[in-house]
């Protein structure tokens, strides 16, 4: 029906579109583009408990965020299922082959993403530790990678520039030091 939708769009089309969405959110209602606030609102709506961080009027503060995250999930379904590209994912197998990863038949390497690896002691520690570090880092940085990298930089916030540089540096360090720990040998 629309064959251009089944191919990856070039960066010079998608980049400006994402930028226009971020700027549009800032112009229309001073709403930042990000995901971490949505997680906080979902927790406050579902499990407010006695944690002071989650005790606020989430309906007033974050209802638009919950609609936004529903749109992200719906868009992910449309893009990942309905408009899925039949072409394989472009990945450099030589770099990962050095770590023993050889099965590239799916979206992600099966040696890393399977139940046996996840339910091992190493997998549970990495998932729990990684989840804690991501949650702590997002709270400490005042936002997530998408919020700082898209909205914060579009709004010319110096703190977002520092956060984005830190995210990239931490990602590079994790690929050198943590990825070898994740790969079962």
N, C-alpha and C. Protein backbone atom coordinates (compact mmCIF):
# COMPACT_ATOMS: atom_id res chain seq x y z
N UNK A 1 0.82 -1.19 0.00
CA UNK A 1 0.00 0.00 0.00
C UNK A 1 0.87 1.25 0.00
N UNK A 2 1.75 1.39 1.01
CA UNK A 2 2.68 2.52 1.09
C UNK A 2 4.09 1.93 1.22
N UNK A 3 4.74 1.56 0.11
CA UNK A 3 6.04 0.88 0.21
C UNK A 3 7.12 1.71 0.88
N UNK A 4 7.03 3.05 0.83
CA UNK A 4 8.06 3.88 1.47
C UNK A 4 8.02 3.74 2.99
N UNK A 5 6.89 3.29 3.56
CA UNK A 5 6.81 3.11 5.00
C UNK A 5 7.54 1.86 5.47
N UNK A 6 7.78 0.91 4.57
CA UNK A 6 8.41 -0.34 4.95
C UNK A 6 9.93 -0.28 4.94
N UNK A 7 10.48 0.82 4.59
CA UNK A 7 11.94 1.00 4.59
C UNK A 7 12.30 1.97 5.71
N UNK A 8 13.52 1.84 6.20
CA UNK A 8 13.99 2.78 7.21
C UNK A 8 14.04 4.18 6.61
N UNK A 9 13.53 5.13 7.33
CA UNK A 9 13.56 6.51 6.86
C UNK A 9 14.95 7.07 7.13
N UNK A 10 15.47 7.92 6.27
CA UNK A 10 16.81 8.46 6.48
C UNK A 10 16.83 9.44 7.66
N UNK A 11 18.01 9.60 8.22
CA UNK A 11 18.19 10.47 9.38
C UNK A 11 17.74 11.89 9.10
N UNK A 12 17.93 12.37 7.88
CA UNK A 12 17.60 13.76 7.58
C UNK A 12 16.10 13.99 7.49
N UNK A 13 15.29 12.93 7.53
CA UNK A 13 13.83 13.07 7.61
C UNK A 13 13.38 12.88 9.06
N UNK A 14 13.83 11.79 9.70
CA UNK A 14 13.37 11.50 11.05
C UNK A 14 13.91 12.46 12.09
N UNK A 15 15.15 12.90 11.96
CA UNK A 15 15.72 13.84 12.92
C UNK A 15 14.93 15.13 13.02
N UNK A 16 14.68 15.80 11.90
CA UNK A 16 13.86 17.02 11.97
C UNK A 16 12.44 16.76 12.47
N UNK A 17 11.86 15.59 12.15
CA UNK A 17 10.51 15.30 12.65
C UNK A 17 10.50 15.19 14.17
N UNK A 18 11.47 14.49 14.74
CA UNK A 18 11.56 14.38 16.20
C UNK A 18 11.81 15.76 16.80
N UNK A 19 12.69 16.53 16.17
CA UNK A 19 12.95 17.89 16.65
C UNK A 19 11.71 18.76 16.61
N UNK A 20 10.91 18.64 15.56
CA UNK A 20 9.68 19.43 15.48
C UNK A 20 8.67 19.02 16.54
N UNK A 21 8.60 17.74 16.86
CA UNK A 21 7.71 17.29 17.93
C UNK A 21 8.16 17.89 19.26
N UNK A 22 9.46 17.84 19.55
CA UNK A 22 9.98 18.38 20.80
C UNK A 22 9.72 19.88 20.90
N UNK A 23 10.01 20.61 19.82
CA UNK A 23 9.78 22.06 19.83
C UNK A 23 8.29 22.37 19.92
N UNK A 24 7.48 21.57 19.23
CA UNK A 24 6.03 21.76 19.30
C UNK A 24 5.49 21.58 20.71
N UNK A 25 5.99 20.57 21.42
CA UNK A 25 5.57 20.37 22.81
C UNK A 25 5.97 21.54 23.69
N UNK A 26 7.17 22.08 23.46
CA UNK A 26 7.62 23.23 24.26
C UNK A 26 6.80 24.47 23.94
N UNK A 27 6.46 24.68 22.66
CA UNK A 27 5.72 25.87 22.26
C UNK A 27 4.26 25.80 22.70
N UNK A 28 3.63 24.65 22.50
CA UNK A 28 2.20 24.51 22.78
C UNK A 28 1.90 24.61 24.27
N UNK A 29 2.67 23.94 25.10
CA UNK A 29 2.32 23.95 26.51
C UNK A 29 3.48 23.86 27.45
N UNK A 30 4.67 24.20 26.98
CA UNK A 30 5.87 24.09 27.81
C UNK A 30 5.99 22.68 28.41
N UNK A 31 5.72 21.68 27.58
CA UNK A 31 5.78 20.27 27.99
C UNK A 31 7.08 19.67 27.49
N UNK A 32 7.92 19.16 28.37
CA UNK A 32 9.17 18.54 27.91
C UNK A 32 8.91 17.16 27.32
N UNK A 33 9.72 16.79 26.34
CA UNK A 33 9.65 15.49 25.70
C UNK A 33 10.57 14.56 26.48
N UNK A 34 9.99 13.56 27.13
CA UNK A 34 10.80 12.62 27.89
C UNK A 34 9.94 11.48 28.41
N UNK A 35 10.59 10.46 28.90
CA UNK A 35 9.88 9.27 29.34
C UNK A 35 9.93 9.09 30.86
N UNK A 36 10.99 9.53 31.52
CA UNK A 36 11.15 9.24 32.95
C UNK A 36 10.03 9.81 33.80
N UNK A 37 9.53 10.99 33.46
CA UNK A 37 8.41 11.56 34.22
C UNK A 37 7.18 10.68 34.08
N UNK A 38 7.01 10.05 32.92
CA UNK A 38 5.87 9.16 32.72
C UNK A 38 5.92 7.98 33.68
N UNK A 39 7.11 7.43 33.90
CA UNK A 39 7.25 6.30 34.83
C UNK A 39 6.90 6.73 36.24
N UNK A 40 7.29 7.93 36.63
CA UNK A 40 6.96 8.44 37.96
C UNK A 40 5.44 8.60 38.10
N UNK A 41 4.78 9.12 37.08
CA UNK A 41 3.33 9.30 37.13
C UNK A 41 2.60 7.95 37.18
N UNK A 42 3.12 6.95 36.44
CA UNK A 42 2.49 5.63 36.48
C UNK A 42 2.63 5.01 37.87
N UNK A 43 3.80 5.18 38.49
CA UNK A 43 3.99 4.66 39.84
C UNK A 43 3.09 5.39 40.84
N UNK A 44 2.98 6.70 40.70
CA UNK A 44 2.13 7.47 41.61
C UNK A 44 0.67 7.09 41.45
N UNK A 45 0.25 6.77 40.23
CA UNK A 45 -1.14 6.38 39.98
C UNK A 45 -1.41 4.97 40.47
N UNK A 46 -0.43 4.07 40.34
CA UNK A 46 -0.64 2.66 40.64
C UNK A 46 -0.28 2.28 42.07
N UNK A 47 0.84 2.77 42.58
CA UNK A 47 1.35 2.36 43.89
C UNK A 47 1.81 3.56 44.71
N UNK A 48 0.90 4.47 45.09
CA UNK A 48 1.37 5.67 45.80
C UNK A 48 1.99 5.35 47.15
N UNK A 49 1.39 4.42 47.91
CA UNK A 49 1.96 4.00 49.20
C UNK A 49 2.33 5.17 50.08
N UNK A 50 3.41 4.98 50.82
CA UNK A 50 3.87 6.01 51.74
C UNK A 50 5.17 6.66 51.28
N UNK A 51 5.53 6.48 50.04
CA UNK A 51 6.75 7.08 49.51
C UNK A 51 6.43 8.52 49.13
N UNK A 52 7.10 9.46 49.76
CA UNK A 52 6.82 10.88 49.55
C UNK A 52 7.00 11.30 48.09
N UNK A 53 7.93 10.67 47.40
CA UNK A 53 8.21 11.01 46.00
C UNK A 53 7.00 10.78 45.10
N UNK A 54 6.11 9.83 45.50
CA UNK A 54 4.95 9.50 44.69
C UNK A 54 3.66 10.10 45.23
N UNK A 55 3.71 10.90 46.26
CA UNK A 55 2.51 11.49 46.84
C UNK A 55 2.31 12.91 46.32
N UNK A 56 1.61 13.01 45.22
CA UNK A 56 1.27 14.29 44.60
C UNK A 56 0.06 14.04 43.70
N UNK A 57 -0.53 15.09 43.21
CA UNK A 57 -1.70 14.97 42.34
C UNK A 57 -1.24 14.63 40.93
N UNK A 58 -1.07 13.35 40.66
CA UNK A 58 -0.56 12.91 39.36
C UNK A 58 -1.54 13.22 38.23
N UNK A 59 -2.85 13.30 38.54
CA UNK A 59 -3.82 13.61 37.49
C UNK A 59 -3.58 15.01 36.92
N UNK A 60 -3.32 15.93 37.80
CA UNK A 60 -3.09 17.31 37.36
C UNK A 60 -1.69 17.47 36.75
N UNK A 61 -0.73 16.83 37.36
CA UNK A 61 0.66 17.00 36.92
C UNK A 61 1.00 16.15 35.71
N UNK A 62 0.41 14.97 35.59
CA UNK A 62 0.93 14.06 34.59
C UNK A 62 -0.06 13.36 33.70
N UNK A 63 -1.31 13.78 33.66
CA UNK A 63 -2.26 13.09 32.80
C UNK A 63 -1.84 13.16 31.34
N UNK A 64 -1.34 14.31 30.92
CA UNK A 64 -0.89 14.43 29.53
C UNK A 64 0.29 13.50 29.26
N UNK A 65 1.14 13.28 30.29
CA UNK A 65 2.28 12.36 30.13
C UNK A 65 1.81 10.93 29.91
N UNK A 66 0.74 10.53 30.61
CA UNK A 66 0.24 9.17 30.44
C UNK A 66 -0.36 8.99 29.04
N UNK A 67 -1.02 10.01 28.53
CA UNK A 67 -1.52 9.97 27.15
C UNK A 67 -0.34 9.90 26.18
N UNK A 68 0.72 10.67 26.47
CA UNK A 68 1.92 10.67 25.64
C UNK A 68 2.55 9.28 25.60
N UNK A 69 2.69 8.63 26.76
CA UNK A 69 3.32 7.30 26.79
C UNK A 69 2.44 6.28 26.09
N UNK A 70 1.12 6.43 26.17
CA UNK A 70 0.22 5.53 25.42
C UNK A 70 0.45 5.70 23.92
N UNK A 71 0.68 6.93 23.49
CA UNK A 71 0.99 7.19 22.09
C UNK A 71 2.33 6.59 21.68
N UNK A 72 3.30 6.63 22.58
CA UNK A 72 4.61 6.03 22.30
C UNK A 72 4.46 4.51 22.12
N UNK A 73 3.69 3.88 23.00
CA UNK A 73 3.47 2.43 22.89
C UNK A 73 2.71 2.10 21.61
N UNK A 74 1.67 2.87 21.31
CA UNK A 74 0.90 2.63 20.08
C UNK A 74 1.77 2.86 18.84
N UNK A 75 2.59 3.91 18.85
CA UNK A 75 3.49 4.16 17.74
C UNK A 75 4.52 3.07 17.58
N UNK A 76 5.02 2.55 18.70
CA UNK A 76 5.97 1.43 18.65
C UNK A 76 5.34 0.19 18.04
N UNK A 77 4.08 -0.06 18.37
CA UNK A 77 3.37 -1.21 17.79
C UNK A 77 3.19 -1.02 16.29
N UNK A 78 2.76 0.15 15.89
CA UNK A 78 2.57 0.43 14.46
C UNK A 78 3.89 0.29 13.72
N UNK A 79 4.94 0.90 14.25
CA UNK A 79 6.24 0.84 13.58
C UNK A 79 6.89 -0.52 13.62
N UNK A 80 6.76 -1.23 14.74
CA UNK A 80 7.45 -2.50 14.91
C UNK A 80 6.69 -3.71 14.42
N UNK A 81 5.37 -3.63 14.33
CA UNK A 81 4.58 -4.78 13.91
C UNK A 81 3.90 -4.53 12.56
N UNK A 82 3.16 -3.45 12.48
CA UNK A 82 2.40 -3.20 11.25
C UNK A 82 3.27 -2.75 10.09
N UNK A 83 4.31 -1.97 10.37
CA UNK A 83 5.18 -1.45 9.31
C UNK A 83 6.58 -2.06 9.37
N UNK A 84 6.69 -3.25 9.91
CA UNK A 84 7.98 -3.92 10.09
C UNK A 84 8.68 -4.11 8.75
N UNK A 85 9.94 -3.82 8.73
CA UNK A 85 10.75 -3.98 7.53
C UNK A 85 11.18 -5.44 7.40
N UNK A 86 11.11 -6.00 6.21
CA UNK A 86 11.56 -7.38 6.03
C UNK A 86 13.08 -7.49 5.99
N UNK A 87 13.79 -6.38 5.90
CA UNK A 87 15.24 -6.41 5.84
C UNK A 87 15.83 -6.72 7.21
N UNK A 88 16.94 -7.47 7.28
CA UNK A 88 17.56 -7.75 8.58
C UNK A 88 18.16 -6.48 9.19
N UNK A 89 18.31 -6.52 10.50
CA UNK A 89 18.89 -5.39 11.23
C UNK A 89 20.36 -5.28 10.86
N UNK A 90 20.80 -4.07 10.56
CA UNK A 90 22.20 -3.84 10.20
C UNK A 90 23.02 -3.75 11.48
N UNK A 91 23.88 -4.72 11.69
CA UNK A 91 24.73 -4.75 12.88
C UNK A 91 26.10 -5.27 12.46
N UNK A 92 27.12 -4.86 13.13
CA UNK A 92 28.46 -5.29 12.81
C UNK A 92 28.75 -6.59 13.54
N UNK A 93 28.69 -7.71 12.87
CA UNK A 93 28.91 -8.98 13.56
C UNK A 93 30.35 -9.23 13.97
N UNK A 94 31.32 -8.58 13.32
CA UNK A 94 32.73 -8.84 13.66
C UNK A 94 33.05 -8.43 15.10
N UNK A 95 32.53 -7.29 15.52
CA UNK A 95 32.83 -6.82 16.88
C UNK A 95 32.21 -7.73 17.92
N UNK A 96 30.98 -8.18 17.67
CA UNK A 96 30.33 -9.05 18.64
C UNK A 96 30.81 -10.49 18.55
N UNK A 97 31.30 -10.91 17.39
CA UNK A 97 31.82 -12.27 17.25
C UNK A 97 33.02 -12.49 18.15
N UNK A 98 33.79 -11.44 18.40
CA UNK A 98 34.93 -11.55 19.31
C UNK A 98 34.49 -11.89 20.73
N UNK A 99 33.23 -11.55 21.05
CA UNK A 99 32.69 -11.87 22.37
C UNK A 99 31.91 -13.19 22.38
N UNK A 100 31.89 -13.87 21.24
CA UNK A 100 31.20 -15.15 21.17
C UNK A 100 29.76 -15.07 20.72
N UNK A 101 29.33 -13.94 20.21
CA UNK A 101 27.95 -13.77 19.75
C UNK A 101 27.95 -14.04 18.25
N UNK A 102 27.15 -15.06 17.86
CA UNK A 102 27.15 -15.45 16.46
C UNK A 102 25.75 -15.55 15.85
N UNK A 103 24.71 -15.57 16.67
CA UNK A 103 23.35 -15.73 16.15
C UNK A 103 22.71 -14.36 15.97
N UNK A 104 22.64 -13.90 14.74
CA UNK A 104 22.05 -12.60 14.42
C UNK A 104 20.75 -12.76 13.64
N UNK A 105 20.05 -13.87 13.84
CA UNK A 105 18.85 -14.13 13.06
C UNK A 105 17.66 -13.31 13.54
N UNK A 106 17.66 -12.86 14.78
CA UNK A 106 16.55 -12.07 15.30
C UNK A 106 16.91 -10.60 15.41
N UNK A 107 16.07 -9.88 16.12
CA UNK A 107 16.30 -8.45 16.31
C UNK A 107 17.49 -8.20 17.23
N UNK A 108 17.68 -9.08 18.20
CA UNK A 108 18.78 -8.96 19.15
C UNK A 108 19.53 -10.29 19.20
N UNK A 109 20.80 -10.29 19.60
CA UNK A 109 21.55 -11.55 19.67
C UNK A 109 20.95 -12.51 20.70
N UNK A 110 20.70 -13.73 20.29
CA UNK A 110 20.07 -14.72 21.17
C UNK A 110 20.99 -15.13 22.32
N UNK A 111 22.29 -15.02 22.16
CA UNK A 111 23.20 -15.37 23.24
C UNK A 111 23.05 -14.43 24.43
N UNK A 112 22.63 -13.21 24.19
CA UNK A 112 22.44 -12.24 25.28
C UNK A 112 21.02 -12.20 25.80
N UNK A 113 20.06 -12.32 24.91
CA UNK A 113 18.66 -12.13 25.28
C UNK A 113 17.91 -13.44 25.18
N UNK A 114 18.00 -14.23 26.25
CA UNK A 114 17.26 -15.48 26.36
C UNK A 114 16.98 -15.72 27.84
N UNK A 115 16.04 -16.62 28.13
CA UNK A 115 15.63 -16.84 29.52
C UNK A 115 16.76 -17.45 30.35
N UNK A 116 17.57 -18.32 29.76
CA UNK A 116 18.65 -18.94 30.53
C UNK A 116 19.65 -17.89 31.01
N UNK A 117 19.99 -16.94 30.13
CA UNK A 117 20.92 -15.89 30.52
C UNK A 117 20.28 -14.93 31.53
N UNK A 118 19.00 -14.63 31.34
CA UNK A 118 18.33 -13.70 32.23
C UNK A 118 18.14 -14.28 33.63
N UNK A 119 17.80 -15.55 33.73
CA UNK A 119 17.51 -16.15 35.03
C UNK A 119 18.75 -16.68 35.74
N UNK A 120 19.91 -16.43 35.20
CA UNK A 120 21.14 -16.80 35.90
C UNK A 120 21.41 -15.75 36.98
N UNK A 121 22.31 -16.07 37.90
CA UNK A 121 22.67 -15.11 38.95
C UNK A 121 23.22 -13.84 38.30
N UNK A 122 24.08 -14.01 37.33
CA UNK A 122 24.66 -12.86 36.62
C UNK A 122 23.56 -12.01 35.98
N UNK A 123 22.60 -12.66 35.33
CA UNK A 123 21.51 -11.94 34.66
C UNK A 123 20.64 -11.17 35.63
N UNK A 124 20.29 -11.79 36.75
CA UNK A 124 19.45 -11.12 37.75
C UNK A 124 20.19 -9.94 38.37
N UNK A 125 21.46 -10.13 38.70
CA UNK A 125 22.25 -9.04 39.28
C UNK A 125 22.38 -7.88 38.29
N UNK A 126 22.66 -8.21 37.04
CA UNK A 126 22.80 -7.15 36.02
C UNK A 126 21.48 -6.43 35.79
N UNK A 127 20.36 -7.16 35.72
CA UNK A 127 19.07 -6.52 35.49
C UNK A 127 18.66 -5.66 36.69
N UNK A 128 18.78 -6.20 37.89
CA UNK A 128 18.40 -5.43 39.08
C UNK A 128 19.35 -4.25 39.28
N UNK A 129 20.64 -4.50 39.15
CA UNK A 129 21.61 -3.41 39.29
C UNK A 129 21.46 -2.37 38.21
N UNK A 130 21.28 -2.81 36.98
CA UNK A 130 21.07 -1.88 35.88
C UNK A 130 19.80 -1.07 36.05
N UNK A 131 18.73 -1.72 36.46
CA UNK A 131 17.47 -1.01 36.69
C UNK A 131 17.61 0.04 37.79
N UNK A 132 18.30 -0.33 38.87
CA UNK A 132 18.52 0.63 39.95
C UNK A 132 19.36 1.81 39.46
N UNK A 133 20.45 1.51 38.75
CA UNK A 133 21.32 2.59 38.28
C UNK A 133 20.61 3.50 37.28
N UNK A 134 19.80 2.94 36.41
CA UNK A 134 19.05 3.77 35.46
C UNK A 134 18.05 4.65 36.20
N UNK A 135 17.32 4.07 37.15
CA UNK A 135 16.36 4.85 37.93
C UNK A 135 17.04 5.93 38.76
N UNK A 136 18.13 5.58 39.42
CA UNK A 136 18.86 6.56 40.21
C UNK A 136 19.44 7.66 39.33
N UNK A 137 20.06 7.26 38.23
CA UNK A 137 20.67 8.23 37.33
C UNK A 137 19.65 9.17 36.71
N UNK A 138 18.50 8.64 36.34
CA UNK A 138 17.45 9.47 35.76
C UNK A 138 16.94 10.49 36.77
N UNK A 139 16.77 10.04 38.00
CA UNK A 139 16.31 10.96 39.04
C UNK A 139 17.37 12.00 39.36
N UNK A 140 18.60 11.57 39.46
CA UNK A 140 19.71 12.48 39.80
C UNK A 140 19.95 13.49 38.68
N UNK A 141 19.85 13.04 37.43
CA UNK A 141 20.08 13.94 36.29
C UNK A 141 18.89 14.83 35.99
N UNK A 142 17.76 14.56 36.63
CA UNK A 142 16.57 15.38 36.38
C UNK A 142 15.91 15.06 35.05
N UNK A 143 16.09 13.84 34.56
CA UNK A 143 15.45 13.44 33.32
C UNK A 143 16.20 12.31 32.66
N UNK A 144 15.61 11.78 31.62
CA UNK A 144 16.19 10.64 30.91
C UNK A 144 16.91 11.10 29.65
N UNK A 145 17.45 10.14 28.93
CA UNK A 145 18.22 10.47 27.73
C UNK A 145 17.37 11.19 26.69
N UNK A 146 16.14 10.74 26.50
CA UNK A 146 15.29 11.39 25.49
C UNK A 146 14.90 12.79 25.95
N UNK A 147 14.61 12.96 27.23
CA UNK A 147 14.24 14.28 27.72
C UNK A 147 15.37 15.28 27.60
N UNK A 148 16.56 14.90 28.03
CA UNK A 148 17.71 15.80 27.93
C UNK A 148 18.18 15.95 26.48
N UNK A 149 18.29 14.82 25.79
CA UNK A 149 18.86 14.84 24.45
C UNK A 149 17.97 15.49 23.41
N UNK A 150 16.68 15.42 23.59
CA UNK A 150 15.78 16.00 22.59
C UNK A 150 15.22 17.33 23.08
N UNK A 151 14.52 17.30 24.21
CA UNK A 151 13.89 18.52 24.70
C UNK A 151 14.89 19.50 25.31
N UNK A 152 15.77 18.99 26.15
CA UNK A 152 16.72 19.86 26.83
C UNK A 152 17.67 20.56 25.88
N UNK A 153 18.18 19.82 24.90
CA UNK A 153 19.07 20.44 23.92
C UNK A 153 18.30 21.40 23.00
N UNK A 154 17.04 21.05 22.67
CA UNK A 154 16.24 21.96 21.84
C UNK A 154 15.94 23.25 22.58
N UNK A 155 15.87 23.16 23.91
CA UNK A 155 15.62 24.34 24.75
C UNK A 155 16.92 25.04 25.16
N UNK A 156 18.06 24.55 24.62
CA UNK A 156 19.40 25.12 24.88
C UNK A 156 19.76 25.17 26.36
N UNK A 157 19.46 24.08 27.09
CA UNK A 157 19.77 24.01 28.51
C UNK A 157 21.18 23.45 28.70
N UNK A 158 22.07 24.21 29.34
CA UNK A 158 23.43 23.71 29.57
C UNK A 158 23.47 22.41 30.37
N UNK A 159 22.56 22.25 31.34
CA UNK A 159 22.53 21.01 32.13
C UNK A 159 22.24 19.81 31.24
N UNK A 160 21.42 19.99 30.23
CA UNK A 160 21.11 18.89 29.32
C UNK A 160 22.32 18.53 28.47
N UNK A 161 23.10 19.50 28.07
CA UNK A 161 24.32 19.22 27.31
C UNK A 161 25.28 18.39 28.15
N UNK A 162 25.45 18.76 29.40
CA UNK A 162 26.31 18.00 30.31
C UNK A 162 25.76 16.59 30.51
N UNK A 163 24.44 16.48 30.68
CA UNK A 163 23.82 15.16 30.87
C UNK A 163 24.01 14.29 29.64
N UNK A 164 23.83 14.84 28.44
CA UNK A 164 23.97 14.05 27.21
C UNK A 164 25.41 13.59 27.03
N UNK A 165 26.36 14.44 27.31
CA UNK A 165 27.78 14.04 27.23
C UNK A 165 28.05 12.91 28.24
N UNK A 166 27.49 13.03 29.43
CA UNK A 166 27.66 11.98 30.44
C UNK A 166 27.02 10.67 30.02
N UNK A 167 25.82 10.75 29.40
CA UNK A 167 25.15 9.52 28.93
C UNK A 167 26.01 8.80 27.91
N UNK A 168 26.57 9.55 26.95
CA UNK A 168 27.38 8.92 25.92
C UNK A 168 28.67 8.35 26.50
N UNK A 169 29.28 9.06 27.42
CA UNK A 169 30.51 8.56 28.05
C UNK A 169 30.23 7.29 28.85
N UNK A 170 29.14 7.28 29.60
CA UNK A 170 28.78 6.09 30.38
C UNK A 170 28.43 4.93 29.47
N UNK A 171 27.75 5.19 28.35
CA UNK A 171 27.43 4.13 27.40
C UNK A 171 28.67 3.53 26.78
N UNK A 172 29.63 4.37 26.43
CA UNK A 172 30.88 3.87 25.86
C UNK A 172 31.64 3.03 26.89
N UNK A 173 31.69 3.50 28.13
CA UNK A 173 32.38 2.75 29.18
C UNK A 173 31.67 1.42 29.44
N UNK A 174 30.34 1.43 29.45
CA UNK A 174 29.59 0.19 29.67
C UNK A 174 29.83 -0.82 28.57
N UNK A 175 29.97 -0.35 27.33
CA UNK A 175 30.20 -1.30 26.23
C UNK A 175 31.57 -1.96 26.35
N UNK A 176 32.53 -1.28 26.94
CA UNK A 176 33.86 -1.88 27.11
C UNK A 176 33.96 -2.74 28.36
N UNK A 177 33.31 -2.32 29.46
CA UNK A 177 33.50 -3.00 30.73
C UNK A 177 32.35 -3.93 31.11
N UNK A 178 31.11 -3.57 30.80
CA UNK A 178 29.97 -4.39 31.21
C UNK A 178 29.54 -5.41 30.19
N UNK A 179 29.63 -5.10 28.91
CA UNK A 179 29.21 -6.07 27.89
C UNK A 179 29.96 -7.39 28.01
N UNK A 180 31.26 -7.39 28.24
CA UNK A 180 31.93 -8.69 28.43
C UNK A 180 31.42 -9.47 29.63
N UNK A 181 30.90 -8.78 30.65
CA UNK A 181 30.33 -9.49 31.80
C UNK A 181 28.97 -10.11 31.48
N UNK A 182 28.26 -9.50 30.53
CA UNK A 182 26.93 -10.01 30.17
C UNK A 182 26.98 -11.22 29.26
N UNK A 183 28.02 -11.33 28.48
CA UNK A 183 28.10 -12.40 27.49
C UNK A 183 28.50 -13.68 28.18
N UNK A 184 27.64 -14.71 28.09
CA UNK A 184 28.00 -16.00 28.71
C UNK A 184 29.14 -16.66 27.93
N UNK A 185 30.12 -17.16 28.65
CA UNK A 185 31.28 -17.82 27.99
C UNK A 185 31.34 -19.26 28.39
